[in-house]
Amino acid sequence: MNTNNQLGFITSKIEELETAVLHSHANSVLNIKSTIVRTRQVDENGNVWFTISRPQQEINQFEKNFPVALNYYKKDSPFFMNVFGIARIVSDPEELICADLNNHLRTNPEEVLMCVKILSANYYEKEAAKNESWLTKCKRAFMGIFSFEEDDHYYWNLRADNDRTYA
C-alpha cells in the first residue's frame, strides 16, 4: 500500500469516527489538558485540524511543538484508531487566514486552532460480540473459576477402602 493510499485510508477512518481524546505527551511543566476534540478536517499533507478550548495560560507560554496522541473511538463503530503525531497551536494570523476554519474561530474566540502532523496511526478492528445464551455464559464462568479445561486429565479414583487419590 503506497503512502497516498495509506493517507486516504487514515483520512476516511478519521472522518468517519470524527471525535477523539487528545493526550499531550510533552515533558514540560505547562501542558494542554487531555480533552475531547472534534476533527474539523484532515488535509492532503497528513495534518489533522481541530479546535480546543482556550487554556487559561497565554498561548505563547506553551511549547511550539509537542507530541500528542489522538485516540479515535465511536461507540457503535466496528473499529477504532490511535494516531500519534506532533501538535502545534496555530496562532499566526496569516496561517489562520489560510486555514478554512478562520470563520469558525472569529465566532468562537474562546477556542484555539490546533494542527497535528500524523507520524503514525494504528487501526484496530473490534471483535464481534458472541451471541451466546446465558446458560453457556454461566457454564464458561463456572469452568473458568475452577479452571476445568478439556485438556485436564485429573479425576477422582475411589478405591475400595474409600481413600481418595489422584490418578
N, C-alpha and C. Protein backbone atom coordinates (compact mmCIF):
# COMPACT_ATOMS: atom_id res chain seq x y z
N MET A 1 0.86 -1.17 0.00
CA MET A 1 0.00 0.00 0.00
C MET A 1 0.90 1.23 0.00
N ASN A 2 0.74 2.11 -0.97
CA ASN A 2 1.59 3.28 -1.01
C ASN A 2 1.10 4.36 -0.05
N THR A 3 1.90 5.41 0.08
CA THR A 3 1.63 6.45 1.07
C THR A 3 0.31 7.16 0.82
N ASN A 4 -0.01 7.43 -0.44
CA ASN A 4 -1.28 8.11 -0.75
C ASN A 4 -2.48 7.25 -0.37
N ASN A 5 -2.39 5.95 -0.63
CA ASN A 5 -3.48 5.05 -0.24
C ASN A 5 -3.60 4.97 1.28
N GLN A 6 -2.46 4.92 1.98
CA GLN A 6 -2.48 4.87 3.44
C GLN A 6 -3.09 6.14 4.01
N LEU A 7 -2.67 7.30 3.49
CA LEU A 7 -3.21 8.56 3.97
C LEU A 7 -4.70 8.68 3.65
N GLY A 8 -5.11 8.19 2.49
CA GLY A 8 -6.53 8.19 2.15
C GLY A 8 -7.34 7.31 3.09
N PHE A 9 -6.79 6.15 3.41
CA PHE A 9 -7.47 5.23 4.33
C PHE A 9 -7.58 5.86 5.72
N ILE A 10 -6.48 6.41 6.22
CA ILE A 10 -6.47 7.05 7.54
C ILE A 10 -7.44 8.22 7.57
N THR A 11 -7.42 9.03 6.53
CA THR A 11 -8.32 10.19 6.47
C THR A 11 -9.77 9.76 6.49
N SER A 12 -10.12 8.74 5.71
CA SER A 12 -11.52 8.31 5.67
C SER A 12 -11.96 7.76 7.02
N LYS A 13 -11.09 7.03 7.70
CA LYS A 13 -11.45 6.47 9.01
C LYS A 13 -11.56 7.56 10.08
N ILE A 14 -10.68 8.56 10.04
CA ILE A 14 -10.76 9.68 10.99
C ILE A 14 -12.04 10.46 10.76
N GLU A 15 -12.38 10.71 9.50
CA GLU A 15 -13.61 11.45 9.20
C GLU A 15 -14.85 10.65 9.62
N GLU A 16 -14.77 9.33 9.55
CA GLU A 16 -15.90 8.50 9.95
C GLU A 16 -16.08 8.52 11.47
N LEU A 17 -14.97 8.45 12.21
CA LEU A 17 -15.05 8.44 13.68
C LEU A 17 -15.27 9.85 14.24
N GLU A 18 -14.59 10.82 13.69
CA GLU A 18 -14.77 12.26 13.94
C GLU A 18 -14.32 12.75 15.31
N THR A 19 -14.55 12.04 16.40
CA THR A 19 -14.15 12.54 17.72
C THR A 19 -13.01 11.70 18.29
N ALA A 20 -12.17 12.38 19.07
CA ALA A 20 -11.01 11.72 19.67
C ALA A 20 -10.73 12.32 21.04
N VAL A 21 -9.95 11.60 21.80
CA VAL A 21 -9.44 12.13 23.06
C VAL A 21 -7.99 12.54 22.80
N LEU A 22 -7.68 13.79 23.09
CA LEU A 22 -6.34 14.34 22.89
C LEU A 22 -5.56 14.18 24.18
N HIS A 23 -4.38 13.55 24.09
CA HIS A 23 -3.47 13.40 25.23
C HIS A 23 -2.14 14.03 24.85
N SER A 24 -1.68 14.98 25.66
CA SER A 24 -0.37 15.58 25.44
C SER A 24 0.69 14.69 26.07
N HIS A 25 1.76 14.45 25.33
CA HIS A 25 2.87 13.64 25.82
C HIS A 25 4.12 14.48 26.02
N ALA A 26 3.93 15.78 26.21
CA ALA A 26 5.06 16.69 26.40
C ALA A 26 5.63 16.51 27.80
N ASN A 27 6.92 16.75 27.93
CA ASN A 27 7.59 16.65 29.22
C ASN A 27 7.78 18.02 29.86
N SER A 28 6.99 18.98 29.48
CA SER A 28 7.13 20.32 30.04
C SER A 28 6.20 20.50 31.23
N VAL A 29 6.43 21.58 31.97
CA VAL A 29 5.60 21.87 33.14
C VAL A 29 4.21 22.28 32.70
N LEU A 30 4.11 23.05 31.64
CA LEU A 30 2.83 23.55 31.15
C LEU A 30 2.37 22.70 29.97
N ASN A 31 1.28 21.96 30.16
CA ASN A 31 0.76 21.06 29.13
C ASN A 31 -0.69 21.38 28.81
N ILE A 32 -1.10 21.00 27.62
CA ILE A 32 -2.51 21.04 27.26
C ILE A 32 -3.19 19.89 28.00
N LYS A 33 -4.32 20.16 28.64
CA LYS A 33 -5.03 19.11 29.36
C LYS A 33 -5.65 18.13 28.37
N SER A 34 -5.80 16.90 28.80
CA SER A 34 -6.49 15.90 27.98
C SER A 34 -7.92 16.36 27.79
N THR A 35 -8.38 16.27 26.56
CA THR A 35 -9.72 16.76 26.24
C THR A 35 -10.28 16.02 25.04
N ILE A 36 -11.58 16.09 24.89
CA ILE A 36 -12.25 15.50 23.72
C ILE A 36 -12.26 16.54 22.62
N VAL A 37 -11.85 16.14 21.43
CA VAL A 37 -11.81 17.06 20.29
C VAL A 37 -12.64 16.49 19.15
N ARG A 38 -13.13 17.39 18.33
CA ARG A 38 -13.87 17.02 17.12
C ARG A 38 -13.04 17.45 15.92
N THR A 39 -12.67 16.50 15.10
CA THR A 39 -11.82 16.78 13.95
C THR A 39 -12.57 17.65 12.95
N ARG A 40 -11.95 18.75 12.56
CA ARG A 40 -12.55 19.64 11.56
C ARG A 40 -12.20 19.20 10.16
N GLN A 41 -10.93 18.84 9.96
CA GLN A 41 -10.51 18.37 8.63
C GLN A 41 -9.17 17.67 8.73
N VAL A 42 -8.89 16.84 7.72
CA VAL A 42 -7.58 16.22 7.55
C VAL A 42 -7.13 16.63 6.16
N ASP A 43 -5.98 17.32 6.08
CA ASP A 43 -5.55 17.83 4.77
C ASP A 43 -4.70 16.80 4.03
N GLU A 44 -4.32 17.14 2.81
CA GLU A 44 -3.58 16.21 1.95
C GLU A 44 -2.14 16.00 2.41
N ASN A 45 -1.66 16.81 3.36
CA ASN A 45 -0.31 16.65 3.89
C ASN A 45 -0.26 15.77 5.14
N GLY A 46 -1.40 15.26 5.56
CA GLY A 46 -1.45 14.41 6.75
C GLY A 46 -1.54 15.21 8.03
N ASN A 47 -2.15 16.37 7.99
CA ASN A 47 -2.37 17.19 9.18
C ASN A 47 -3.82 17.09 9.61
N VAL A 48 -4.03 16.87 10.90
CA VAL A 48 -5.38 16.82 11.47
C VAL A 48 -5.62 18.19 12.12
N TRP A 49 -6.71 18.85 11.74
CA TRP A 49 -7.06 20.17 12.25
C TRP A 49 -8.27 20.07 13.16
N PHE A 50 -8.20 20.71 14.32
CA PHE A 50 -9.31 20.74 15.27
C PHE A 50 -9.14 21.94 16.19
N THR A 51 -10.17 22.21 16.96
CA THR A 51 -10.10 23.30 17.93
C THR A 51 -10.23 22.73 19.34
N ILE A 52 -9.63 23.44 20.29
CA ILE A 52 -9.75 23.10 21.70
C ILE A 52 -10.18 24.37 22.45
N SER A 53 -10.65 24.20 23.65
CA SER A 53 -10.99 25.35 24.48
C SER A 53 -9.70 26.10 24.81
N ARG A 54 -9.78 27.41 24.80
CA ARG A 54 -8.61 28.24 25.08
C ARG A 54 -8.16 28.00 26.52
N PRO A 55 -6.86 27.65 26.71
CA PRO A 55 -6.36 27.46 28.06
C PRO A 55 -6.30 28.78 28.83
N GLN A 56 -6.24 28.70 30.14
CA GLN A 56 -6.18 29.90 30.96
C GLN A 56 -4.85 30.63 30.80
N GLN A 57 -3.78 29.87 30.51
CA GLN A 57 -2.47 30.48 30.33
C GLN A 57 -2.38 31.13 28.95
N GLU A 58 -1.39 31.97 28.79
CA GLU A 58 -1.14 32.58 27.48
C GLU A 58 -0.67 31.50 26.51
N ILE A 59 -1.13 31.59 25.28
CA ILE A 59 -0.81 30.59 24.26
C ILE A 59 0.69 30.52 24.00
N ASN A 60 1.37 31.67 24.00
CA ASN A 60 2.80 31.67 23.68
C ASN A 60 3.66 31.14 24.83
N GLN A 61 3.07 30.75 25.98
CA GLN A 61 3.81 30.13 27.06
C GLN A 61 3.96 28.62 26.86
N PHE A 62 3.15 28.05 25.98
CA PHE A 62 3.24 26.61 25.69
C PHE A 62 4.38 26.36 24.71
N GLU A 63 4.86 25.12 24.68
CA GLU A 63 5.87 24.74 23.70
C GLU A 63 5.30 24.92 22.30
N LYS A 64 6.17 25.23 21.34
CA LYS A 64 5.70 25.42 19.96
C LYS A 64 5.25 24.10 19.35
N ASN A 65 6.00 23.03 19.57
CA ASN A 65 5.68 21.70 19.06
C ASN A 65 5.79 20.71 20.21
N PHE A 66 4.84 19.80 20.30
CA PHE A 66 4.88 18.80 21.36
C PHE A 66 4.17 17.54 20.89
N PRO A 67 4.61 16.38 21.39
CA PRO A 67 4.00 15.11 20.96
C PRO A 67 2.62 14.91 21.59
N VAL A 68 1.73 14.33 20.82
CA VAL A 68 0.37 14.05 21.29
C VAL A 68 -0.10 12.71 20.76
N ALA A 69 -1.16 12.21 21.40
CA ALA A 69 -1.87 11.03 20.91
C ALA A 69 -3.33 11.41 20.76
N LEU A 70 -3.93 10.99 19.67
CA LEU A 70 -5.36 11.18 19.43
C LEU A 70 -5.98 9.78 19.39
N ASN A 71 -6.84 9.50 20.34
CA ASN A 71 -7.49 8.19 20.40
C ASN A 71 -8.91 8.33 19.87
N TYR A 72 -9.12 7.86 18.64
CA TYR A 72 -10.42 7.96 17.97
C TYR A 72 -11.26 6.74 18.32
N TYR A 73 -12.50 6.99 18.71
CA TYR A 73 -13.40 5.92 19.10
C TYR A 73 -14.84 6.39 18.90
N LYS A 74 -15.69 5.50 18.44
CA LYS A 74 -17.13 5.76 18.35
C LYS A 74 -17.83 4.51 18.84
N LYS A 75 -18.86 4.68 19.63
CA LYS A 75 -19.49 3.57 20.35
C LYS A 75 -19.90 2.40 19.44
N ASP A 76 -20.64 2.63 18.40
CA ASP A 76 -21.16 1.54 17.58
C ASP A 76 -20.29 1.23 16.37
N SER A 77 -19.13 1.83 16.28
CA SER A 77 -18.26 1.60 15.15
C SER A 77 -17.49 0.29 15.34
N PRO A 78 -17.26 -0.46 14.27
CA PRO A 78 -16.56 -1.74 14.40
C PRO A 78 -15.03 -1.59 14.47
N PHE A 79 -14.52 -0.37 14.59
CA PHE A 79 -13.08 -0.15 14.64
C PHE A 79 -12.78 1.09 15.49
N PHE A 80 -11.50 1.25 15.85
CA PHE A 80 -11.03 2.46 16.49
C PHE A 80 -9.59 2.70 16.05
N MET A 81 -9.09 3.90 16.30
CA MET A 81 -7.75 4.28 15.84
C MET A 81 -7.01 5.04 16.91
N ASN A 82 -5.70 4.88 16.92
CA ASN A 82 -4.81 5.69 17.74
C ASN A 82 -3.83 6.37 16.80
N VAL A 83 -3.82 7.70 16.85
CA VAL A 83 -2.95 8.50 15.98
C VAL A 83 -1.92 9.19 16.86
N PHE A 84 -0.66 9.11 16.48
CA PHE A 84 0.41 9.77 17.20
C PHE A 84 1.05 10.79 16.27
N GLY A 85 1.40 11.95 16.83
CA GLY A 85 2.00 12.97 16.00
C GLY A 85 2.53 14.13 16.80
N ILE A 86 2.93 15.15 16.07
CA ILE A 86 3.46 16.38 16.65
C ILE A 86 2.40 17.46 16.50
N ALA A 87 2.00 18.04 17.63
CA ALA A 87 0.96 19.07 17.62
C ALA A 87 1.59 20.45 17.73
N ARG A 88 0.85 21.41 17.24
CA ARG A 88 1.22 22.82 17.42
C ARG A 88 -0.04 23.64 17.49
N ILE A 89 0.04 24.69 18.28
CA ILE A 89 -1.07 25.63 18.39
C ILE A 89 -0.89 26.66 17.30
N VAL A 90 -1.90 26.83 16.47
CA VAL A 90 -1.82 27.76 15.34
C VAL A 90 -2.28 29.13 15.83
N SER A 91 -1.34 30.06 15.86
CA SER A 91 -1.67 31.41 16.33
C SER A 91 -1.23 32.49 15.34
N ASP A 92 -0.51 32.12 14.30
CA ASP A 92 -0.06 33.08 13.30
C ASP A 92 -1.26 33.58 12.49
N PRO A 93 -1.50 34.90 12.44
CA PRO A 93 -2.66 35.42 11.72
C PRO A 93 -2.71 35.03 10.24
N GLU A 94 -1.54 34.98 9.59
CA GLU A 94 -1.52 34.60 8.17
C GLU A 94 -1.93 33.15 7.98
N GLU A 95 -1.48 32.29 8.88
CA GLU A 95 -1.85 30.88 8.78
C GLU A 95 -3.33 30.67 9.11
N LEU A 96 -3.85 31.47 10.04
CA LEU A 96 -5.27 31.38 10.38
C LEU A 96 -6.13 31.78 9.19
N ILE A 97 -5.69 32.75 8.42
CA ILE A 97 -6.44 33.17 7.23
C ILE A 97 -6.43 32.07 6.18
N CYS A 98 -5.29 31.38 6.03
CA CYS A 98 -5.18 30.30 5.05
C CYS A 98 -6.02 29.09 5.44
N ALA A 99 -6.17 28.89 6.74
CA ALA A 99 -6.97 27.74 7.20
C ALA A 99 -8.44 28.00 6.90
N ASP A 100 -9.15 26.98 6.55
CA ASP A 100 -10.57 27.11 6.24
C ASP A 100 -11.42 27.36 7.48
N LEU A 101 -10.81 27.33 8.64
CA LEU A 101 -11.54 27.43 9.90
C LEU A 101 -11.53 28.85 10.48
N ASN A 102 -11.06 29.82 9.72
CA ASN A 102 -10.95 31.18 10.23
C ASN A 102 -12.31 31.74 10.66
N ASN A 103 -13.37 31.50 9.89
CA ASN A 103 -14.71 32.00 10.26
C ASN A 103 -15.19 31.37 11.56
N HIS A 104 -14.92 30.10 11.76
CA HIS A 104 -15.31 29.42 12.99
C HIS A 104 -14.61 30.06 14.19
N LEU A 105 -13.33 30.40 14.04
CA LEU A 105 -12.58 30.97 15.15
C LEU A 105 -13.02 32.40 15.47
N ARG A 106 -13.46 33.14 14.46
CA ARG A 106 -13.95 34.50 14.72
C ARG A 106 -15.22 34.48 15.54
N THR A 107 -16.08 33.50 15.28
CA THR A 107 -17.35 33.42 16.03
C THR A 107 -17.17 32.77 17.40
N ASN A 108 -16.07 32.02 17.59
CA ASN A 108 -15.80 31.36 18.87
C ASN A 108 -14.42 31.78 19.38
N PRO A 109 -14.29 32.96 19.97
CA PRO A 109 -12.97 33.42 20.42
C PRO A 109 -12.41 32.63 21.60
N GLU A 110 -13.24 31.82 22.27
CA GLU A 110 -12.75 31.02 23.38
C GLU A 110 -12.11 29.71 22.93
N GLU A 111 -11.97 29.51 21.64
CA GLU A 111 -11.34 28.30 21.10
C GLU A 111 -10.02 28.64 20.42
N VAL A 112 -9.14 27.64 20.36
CA VAL A 112 -7.83 27.77 19.75
C VAL A 112 -7.68 26.69 18.70
N LEU A 113 -7.11 27.04 17.57
CA LEU A 113 -6.89 26.08 16.48
C LEU A 113 -5.61 25.30 16.73
N MET A 114 -5.69 23.98 16.55
CA MET A 114 -4.51 23.12 16.66
C MET A 114 -4.36 22.28 15.41
N CYS A 115 -3.12 21.93 15.13
CA CYS A 115 -2.79 21.10 13.98
C CYS A 115 -1.86 19.99 14.46
N VAL A 116 -2.16 18.75 14.08
CA VAL A 116 -1.32 17.61 14.43
C VAL A 116 -0.82 16.97 13.15
N LYS A 117 0.49 16.90 13.00
CA LYS A 117 1.10 16.19 11.88
C LYS A 117 1.17 14.71 12.24
N ILE A 118 0.49 13.89 11.45
CA ILE A 118 0.43 12.45 11.73
C ILE A 118 1.80 11.82 11.48
N LEU A 119 2.34 11.17 12.51
CA LEU A 119 3.59 10.42 12.36
C LEU A 119 3.30 8.93 12.24
N SER A 120 2.33 8.46 13.00
CA SER A 120 1.92 7.06 12.88
C SER A 120 0.47 6.92 13.29
N ALA A 121 -0.18 5.90 12.76
CA ALA A 121 -1.58 5.64 13.08
C ALA A 121 -1.75 4.13 13.21
N ASN A 122 -2.46 3.73 14.26
CA ASN A 122 -2.76 2.32 14.49
C ASN A 122 -4.26 2.12 14.34
N TYR A 123 -4.63 1.18 13.50
CA TYR A 123 -6.03 0.88 13.21
C TYR A 123 -6.36 -0.47 13.82
N TYR A 124 -7.47 -0.53 14.58
CA TYR A 124 -7.87 -1.77 15.23
C TYR A 124 -9.32 -2.06 14.90
N GLU A 125 -9.62 -3.32 14.58
CA GLU A 125 -11.00 -3.74 14.39
C GLU A 125 -11.44 -4.48 15.64
N LYS A 126 -12.66 -4.20 16.06
CA LYS A 126 -13.21 -4.86 17.25
C LYS A 126 -13.71 -6.23 16.87
N GLU A 127 -13.61 -7.16 17.81
CA GLU A 127 -14.16 -8.49 17.58
C GLU A 127 -15.67 -8.44 17.74
N ALA A 128 -16.36 -9.17 16.92
CA ALA A 128 -17.82 -9.21 17.01
C ALA A 128 -18.22 -9.91 18.30
N ALA A 129 -19.22 -9.35 18.96
CA ALA A 129 -19.70 -9.95 20.21
C ALA A 129 -20.37 -11.28 19.91
N LYS A 130 -20.07 -12.26 20.72
CA LYS A 130 -20.67 -13.58 20.52
C LYS A 130 -22.08 -13.58 21.09
N ASN A 131 -23.01 -14.08 20.33
CA ASN A 131 -24.39 -14.23 20.81
C ASN A 131 -24.53 -15.60 21.44
N GLU A 132 -24.36 -15.64 22.76
CA GLU A 132 -24.45 -16.90 23.48
C GLU A 132 -25.60 -16.81 24.47
N SER A 133 -26.13 -17.96 24.80
CA SER A 133 -27.20 -18.00 25.79
C SER A 133 -26.61 -17.75 27.18
N TRP A 134 -27.46 -17.36 28.10
CA TRP A 134 -27.00 -17.10 29.46
C TRP A 134 -26.49 -18.38 30.11
N LEU A 135 -27.04 -19.53 29.70
CA LEU A 135 -26.59 -20.81 30.26
C LEU A 135 -25.15 -21.10 29.82
N THR A 136 -24.82 -20.83 28.58
CA THR A 136 -23.46 -21.04 28.08
C THR A 136 -22.49 -20.11 28.79
N LYS A 137 -22.89 -18.85 29.01
CA LYS A 137 -22.03 -17.90 29.71
C LYS A 137 -21.79 -18.34 31.15
N CYS A 138 -22.84 -18.82 31.81
CA CYS A 138 -22.70 -19.30 33.19
C CYS A 138 -21.78 -20.51 33.25
N LYS A 139 -21.93 -21.42 32.29
CA LYS A 139 -21.10 -22.63 32.25
C LYS A 139 -19.64 -22.24 32.06
N ARG A 140 -19.36 -21.29 31.15
CA ARG A 140 -17.99 -20.87 30.90
C ARG A 140 -17.41 -20.18 32.14
N ALA A 141 -18.24 -19.38 32.83
CA ALA A 141 -17.78 -18.72 34.05
C ALA A 141 -17.45 -19.74 35.13
N PHE A 142 -18.32 -20.73 35.30
CA PHE A 142 -18.10 -21.78 36.29
C PHE A 142 -16.83 -22.55 35.97
N MET A 143 -16.66 -22.91 34.72
CA MET A 143 -15.47 -23.66 34.30
C MET A 143 -14.22 -22.81 34.50
N GLY A 144 -14.33 -21.50 34.29
CA GLY A 144 -13.19 -20.61 34.48
C GLY A 144 -12.79 -20.49 35.93
N ILE A 145 -13.79 -20.50 36.83
CA ILE A 145 -13.50 -20.39 38.26
C ILE A 145 -12.70 -21.59 38.73
N PHE A 146 -13.11 -22.76 38.33
CA PHE A 146 -12.44 -23.98 38.76
C PHE A 146 -11.41 -24.46 37.77
N SER A 147 -11.19 -23.68 36.74
CA SER A 147 -10.21 -23.95 35.68
C SER A 147 -10.27 -25.38 35.17
N PHE A 148 -11.47 -25.83 34.85
CA PHE A 148 -11.64 -27.12 34.20
C PHE A 148 -11.42 -26.91 32.71
N GLU A 149 -10.47 -27.57 32.19
CA GLU A 149 -10.19 -27.50 30.77
C GLU A 149 -10.43 -28.87 30.16
N GLU A 150 -10.67 -28.90 28.89
CA GLU A 150 -10.85 -30.19 28.24
C GLU A 150 -9.55 -30.99 28.25
N ASP A 151 -8.42 -30.30 28.32
CA ASP A 151 -7.13 -30.99 28.30
C ASP A 151 -6.71 -31.49 29.68
N ASP A 152 -7.41 -31.07 30.74
CA ASP A 152 -7.06 -31.54 32.08
C ASP A 152 -7.51 -32.99 32.23
N HIS A 153 -6.63 -33.82 32.76
CA HIS A 153 -6.93 -35.23 32.90
C HIS A 153 -6.93 -35.65 34.37
N TYR A 154 -7.40 -34.78 35.21
CA TYR A 154 -7.49 -35.10 36.63
C TYR A 154 -8.87 -35.69 36.91
N TYR A 155 -8.90 -36.71 37.69
CA TYR A 155 -10.19 -37.28 38.08
C TYR A 155 -10.00 -38.02 39.40
N TRP A 156 -11.10 -38.21 40.06
CA TRP A 156 -11.08 -38.92 41.34
C TRP A 156 -11.09 -40.42 41.08
N ASN A 157 -10.28 -41.13 41.84
CA ASN A 157 -10.26 -42.58 41.78
C ASN A 157 -10.64 -43.09 43.16
N LEU A 158 -11.81 -43.66 43.28
CA LEU A 158 -12.27 -44.16 44.57
C LEU A 158 -11.89 -45.64 44.67
N ARG A 159 -11.11 -45.90 45.69
CA ARG A 159 -10.74 -47.30 45.92
C ARG A 159 -11.70 -47.92 46.92
N ALA A 160 -11.56 -49.19 47.08
CA ALA A 160 -12.47 -49.93 47.97
C ALA A 160 -12.40 -49.45 49.40
N ASP A 161 -11.21 -48.97 49.84
CA ASP A 161 -11.11 -48.55 51.22
C ASP A 161 -11.46 -47.08 51.41
N ASN A 162 -12.12 -46.46 50.39
CA ASN A 162 -12.59 -45.09 50.42
C ASN A 162 -11.47 -44.04 50.54
N ASP A 163 -10.24 -44.41 50.21
CA ASP A 163 -9.16 -43.41 50.13
C ASP A 163 -9.26 -42.72 48.77
N ARG A 164 -9.18 -41.47 48.81
CA ARG A 164 -9.20 -40.71 47.54
C ARG A 164 -7.77 -40.43 47.10
N THR A 165 -7.49 -40.75 45.88
CA THR A 165 -6.18 -40.47 45.31
C THR A 165 -6.35 -39.93 43.91
N TYR A 166 -5.40 -39.21 43.48
CA TYR A 166 -5.41 -38.71 42.09
C TYR A 166 -4.80 -39.76 41.20
N ALA A 167 -5.40 -39.97 40.07
CA ALA A 167 -4.86 -40.96 39.14
C ALA A 167 -4.03 -40.26 38.09
